[in-house]
Amino acid sequence: MTELDSYSEPDIAHSARTALRMLEAEHGPILAGAVLWRLLGYQTPDAFRKAAQRGTLPVETFRLPNRRGRFARTGDVFRWLDTLTTAHPASPGKEATPEEPRS
């Protein structure tokens, strides 16, 4: 039995909604810059830029008129992060680690 097995689905859904609200409260509905590339697991802005050029970013990004850089919806990034923990749950005593993005 894993640690997650002790929680009911409504508990997990409530925790996810709370985490999303916290992320949106701190960063707003749109992410950009260092917050975006770090949440997506890129070590440098250049690695993020190269992934965007190759079309390999894990979430949809977009540009805004009269603004530099790429942007993503906070909810999209949160849902992607959530898939990492549900698709690859941690083994007891080990932390879940997302795969390294290609740079």
Protein backbone atom coordinates (compact mmCIF):
# COMPACT_ATOMS: atom_id res chain seq x y z
CA MET A 1 0.00 0.00 0.00
CA THR A 2 1.42 3.39 -0.98
CA GLU A 3 1.04 6.66 0.87
CA LEU A 4 -1.47 7.80 -1.77
CA ASP A 5 -3.66 4.74 -1.13
CA SER A 6 -4.62 6.15 2.26
CA TYR A 7 -6.29 9.18 0.65
CA SER A 8 -9.69 9.13 -1.01
CA GLU A 9 -10.23 10.57 -4.48
CA PRO A 10 -12.15 13.58 -3.10
CA ASP A 11 -9.22 14.32 -0.75
CA ILE A 12 -6.75 14.22 -3.64
CA ALA A 13 -9.01 16.34 -5.85
CA HIS A 14 -9.39 18.89 -3.05
CA SER A 15 -5.61 18.98 -2.53
CA ALA A 16 -5.06 19.48 -6.27
CA ARG A 17 -7.55 22.35 -6.39
CA THR A 18 -5.88 23.93 -3.39
CA ALA A 19 -2.43 23.61 -4.95
CA LEU A 20 -3.67 25.12 -8.22
CA ARG A 21 -5.26 28.05 -6.35
CA MET A 22 -1.99 28.64 -4.50
CA LEU A 23 0.01 28.60 -7.73
CA GLU A 24 -2.44 31.01 -9.38
CA ALA A 25 -2.46 33.29 -6.31
CA GLU A 26 1.32 33.56 -6.40
CA HIS A 27 1.89 33.77 -10.17
CA GLY A 28 -1.46 34.67 -11.73
CA PRO A 29 -3.30 32.90 -14.56
CA ILE A 30 -0.35 33.11 -16.97
CA LEU A 31 3.23 31.99 -16.37
CA ALA A 32 6.31 33.37 -18.10
CA GLY A 33 10.06 33.69 -17.78
CA ALA A 34 12.04 31.86 -15.13
CA VAL A 35 8.93 30.63 -13.30
CA LEU A 36 7.69 28.91 -16.46
CA TRP A 37 10.93 27.26 -17.54
CA ARG A 38 11.77 26.14 -14.01
CA LEU A 39 8.32 24.62 -13.39
CA LEU A 40 8.69 22.70 -16.65
CA GLY A 41 12.01 21.31 -15.41
CA TYR A 42 14.43 23.12 -17.70
CA GLN A 43 17.79 24.01 -16.18
CA THR A 44 18.34 27.15 -18.26
CA PRO A 45 16.29 29.58 -20.35
CA ASP A 46 18.32 28.46 -23.38
CA ALA A 47 17.21 24.84 -22.89
CA PHE A 48 13.60 26.04 -22.70
CA ARG A 49 14.05 28.15 -25.85
CA LYS A 50 15.52 25.20 -27.78
CA ALA A 51 12.67 22.92 -26.70
CA ALA A 52 10.20 25.57 -27.88
CA GLN A 53 11.96 25.79 -31.26
CA ARG A 54 11.83 22.00 -31.59
CA GLY A 55 8.19 21.88 -30.56
CA THR A 56 8.91 19.57 -27.63
CA LEU A 57 7.56 21.62 -24.72
CA PRO A 58 5.17 19.54 -22.60
CA VAL A 59 2.49 22.27 -22.53
CA GLU A 60 1.06 24.69 -25.05
CA THR A 61 2.84 28.04 -25.03
CA PHE A 62 1.95 31.25 -26.80
CA ARG A 63 3.20 34.75 -27.45
CA LEU A 64 1.44 37.95 -26.45
CA PRO A 65 1.42 41.16 -28.49
CA ASN A 66 4.02 43.70 -27.39
CA ARG A 67 5.57 41.23 -24.91
CA ARG A 68 8.80 39.26 -25.18
CA GLY A 69 9.04 35.54 -24.57
CA ARG A 70 6.63 32.66 -24.32
CA PHE A 71 3.71 32.26 -21.96
CA ALA A 72 1.62 29.35 -20.70
CA ARG A 73 -1.58 29.05 -18.72
CA THR A 74 -0.94 28.27 -15.07
CA GLY A 75 -3.63 25.57 -15.11
CA ASP A 76 -2.01 23.82 -18.09
CA VAL A 77 1.37 23.70 -16.33
CA PHE A 78 -0.26 22.49 -13.12
CA ARG A 79 -2.12 19.70 -14.92
CA TRP A 80 1.13 18.61 -16.62
CA LEU A 81 2.92 18.54 -13.25
CA ASP A 82 0.04 16.53 -11.81
CA THR A 83 0.37 13.92 -14.56
CA LEU A 84 3.99 13.36 -13.53
CA THR A 85 3.02 12.28 -10.04
CA THR A 86 0.03 10.19 -11.10
CA ALA A 87 1.85 8.49 -13.98
CA HIS A 88 5.03 7.80 -11.99
CA PRO A 89 4.18 7.50 -8.28
CA ALA A 90 7.15 7.38 -5.95
CA SER A 91 8.22 4.08 -4.49
CA PRO A 92 8.14 3.93 -0.71
CA GLY A 93 11.18 5.78 0.59
CA LYS A 94 11.99 7.36 -2.78
CA GLU A 95 11.01 10.68 -4.28
CA ALA A 96 9.26 10.91 -7.63
CA THR A 97 11.48 12.66 -10.13
CA PRO A 98 10.29 13.83 -13.55
CA GLU A 99 12.29 12.82 -16.57
CA GLU A 100 14.97 15.31 -17.56
CA PRO A 101 13.84 17.51 -20.45
CA ARG A 102 15.99 17.26 -23.54
CA SER A 103 18.02 20.38 -24.16
